[in-house]
Protein backbone atom coordinates (compact mmCIF):
# COMPACT_ATOMS: atom_id res chain seq x y z
CA MET A 1 57.71 50.02 75.49
CA PRO A 2 55.77 51.61 72.62
CA VAL A 3 57.84 53.29 69.93
CA PHE A 4 57.00 55.80 67.24
CA LEU A 5 58.65 56.10 63.83
CA ASP A 6 59.36 59.39 62.07
CA SER A 7 58.78 59.60 58.32
CA ASN A 8 62.47 59.34 57.50
CA ILE A 9 62.71 55.94 59.20
CA VAL A 10 59.74 54.59 57.24
CA LEU A 11 61.28 55.92 54.02
CA TYR A 12 64.60 54.23 54.77
CA ALA A 13 62.74 50.90 55.04
CA LEU A 14 61.68 51.45 51.42
CA GLY A 15 64.99 52.90 50.18
CA ASP A 16 68.21 51.82 48.55
CA ASP A 17 70.70 52.30 51.40
CA GLU A 18 71.01 48.63 52.48
CA ALA A 19 72.26 49.18 56.01
CA LYS A 20 69.59 51.76 56.79
CA ARG A 21 66.90 49.72 54.99
CA ILE A 22 67.70 46.68 57.14
CA ARG A 23 67.64 48.64 60.41
CA ALA A 24 64.47 50.54 59.49
CA SER A 25 62.77 47.31 58.41
CA GLU A 26 63.62 45.77 61.80
CA LEU A 27 61.92 48.72 63.47
CA LEU A 28 58.86 48.38 61.23
CA ALA A 29 58.63 44.67 62.08
CA ALA A 30 58.29 45.48 65.79
CA LEU A 31 54.76 46.90 65.40
CA PRO A 32 55.63 50.61 65.94
CA THR A 33 53.20 53.51 65.98
CA VAL A 34 53.01 56.07 63.19
CA SER A 35 50.65 58.94 62.55
CA THR A 36 48.59 59.86 59.55
CA GLN A 37 51.11 62.64 59.02
CA VAL A 38 53.91 60.07 58.60
CA ILE A 39 51.89 58.21 55.94
CA ASN A 40 51.13 61.47 54.14
CA GLU A 41 54.74 62.69 54.22
CA CYS A 42 56.00 59.33 52.94
CA SER A 43 53.38 59.32 50.19
CA HIS A 44 54.53 62.76 49.11
CA VAL A 45 58.20 61.75 49.00
CA LEU A 46 57.47 58.51 47.11
CA ARG A 47 55.58 60.48 44.47
CA ARG A 48 57.91 63.47 44.22
CA LYS A 49 61.39 62.08 44.85
CA TYR A 50 61.03 58.42 43.88
CA LYS A 51 58.60 59.14 41.01
CA LEU A 52 56.26 56.29 41.94
CA SER A 53 52.79 56.29 40.44
CA VAL A 54 49.75 56.90 42.62
CA HIS A 55 49.00 53.19 42.60
CA GLU A 56 52.59 52.18 43.46
CA THR A 57 52.63 54.74 46.26
CA ALA A 58 49.30 53.52 47.64
CA ALA A 59 50.53 49.91 47.51
CA GLU A 60 53.75 50.76 49.38
CA MET A 61 51.88 52.74 52.02
CA GLU A 62 49.26 49.97 52.46
CA ASN A 63 52.13 47.58 53.18
CA VAL A 64 53.44 49.98 55.84
CA ILE A 65 49.94 50.50 57.31
CA ASP A 66 49.64 46.73 57.73
CA LEU A 67 52.78 46.75 59.92
CA VAL A 68 52.03 49.64 62.26
CA GLN A 69 49.61 51.03 64.77
CA MET A 70 48.06 54.15 63.27
CA VAL A 71 47.15 57.31 65.17
CA GLY A 72 45.52 60.42 63.77
CA VAL A 73 46.68 63.99 63.96
CA GLY A 74 43.84 66.29 64.96
CA LEU A 75 43.23 69.53 66.77
CA PRO A 76 44.51 68.27 70.14
CA GLU A 77 47.86 67.28 68.59
CA ILE A 78 48.04 70.61 66.73
CA ARG A 79 47.63 72.47 69.97
CA ILE A 80 50.27 70.32 71.67
CA ALA A 81 52.58 70.92 68.68
CA TRP A 82 52.27 74.70 69.14
CA SER A 83 53.24 74.34 72.78
CA LEU A 84 56.17 72.03 71.94
CA ALA A 85 57.46 74.41 69.24
CA GLY A 86 57.58 77.23 71.75
CA LYS A 87 59.31 75.08 74.35
CA TYR A 88 61.80 73.12 72.22
CA GLY A 89 62.18 75.15 69.02
CA PHE A 90 61.48 72.34 66.53
CA SER A 91 59.56 73.01 63.31
CA HIS A 92 55.78 72.73 63.38
CA TYR A 93 55.83 69.48 61.42
CA ASP A 94 58.41 67.90 63.73
CA CYS A 95 56.29 69.03 66.68
CA LEU A 96 53.23 67.33 65.16
CA ILE A 97 55.27 64.09 65.13
CA LEU A 98 56.26 64.69 68.74
CA ALA A 99 52.70 65.46 69.74
CA ALA A 100 51.34 62.31 68.11
CA ALA A 101 54.03 60.21 69.77
CA LEU A 102 53.33 61.74 73.17
CA ALA A 103 49.54 61.43 72.77
CA SER A 104 49.86 57.75 71.87
CA GLY A 105 51.96 56.99 74.95
CA CYS A 106 55.18 56.18 73.13
CA THR A 107 58.42 56.40 75.08
CA THR A 108 60.82 56.37 72.12
CA LEU A 109 60.71 58.27 68.85
CA TYR A 110 63.05 56.91 66.22
CA THR A 111 64.17 59.78 64.04
CA GLU A 112 67.24 60.90 62.19
CA ASP A 113 66.18 64.54 62.17
CA MET A 114 66.13 65.57 65.80
CA GLN A 115 68.68 65.58 68.61
CA HIS A 116 69.62 62.04 69.60
CA GLY A 117 69.08 61.40 73.29
CA GLN A 118 66.92 64.44 73.95
CA VAL A 119 63.96 63.78 76.23
CA ILE A 120 60.70 65.56 75.42
CA GLU A 121 58.24 66.31 78.23
CA ASN A 122 60.09 63.92 80.56
CA SER A 123 58.64 60.92 78.73
CA LEU A 124 59.69 60.67 75.03
CA THR A 125 63.30 59.94 74.14
CA LEU A 126 64.55 60.83 70.69
CA CYS A 127 66.71 58.08 69.24
CA ASN A 128 68.68 57.97 65.97
CA PRO A 129 68.64 54.24 65.16
CA PHE A 130 71.58 54.67 62.75
CA LYS A 131 73.92 56.29 65.26
CA PRO A 132 76.95 54.09 65.94
CA LYS A 133 76.87 52.56 69.37
C-alpha cells in the first residue's frame, strides 16, 4: 500500500535522535511518496534550524528525492486542502499534506503532528511511526 511521509518524518531521518532517525530511515527506504511541499519545508528547516548552507541543504534534499516518489502541490490540492480544513480543522499546511497524500492514492500518512489512527476521507490513515506499540 502506498505511503506518504510528512516533513517531520523526513527531518527525523536526517536528525540526531538515533531511535527516530533509524525508524524514519526505514520508512524512507520503502520508496514512500512525498510532495514538493515536504521538500520545501525540509529545506527551510535545514537552513534555519540546522544552519546548513544552501549547497549542503540541496545535497541532503537531492538524497531524499532519490529515495521517494515526488508529487506536486498545485491548484487542485489547494482546493482540496480548503475543503479538508473546513471538515477536519487542521492547519492549511497540514491539509496540503493530506490533499497531496489523498491525490496520490496513498493509504497511510506517517506523521507525528496529527492524530494517530484518524482516518481522512475514509481512505487515508494517519500513523505516528514513533508511537509505542
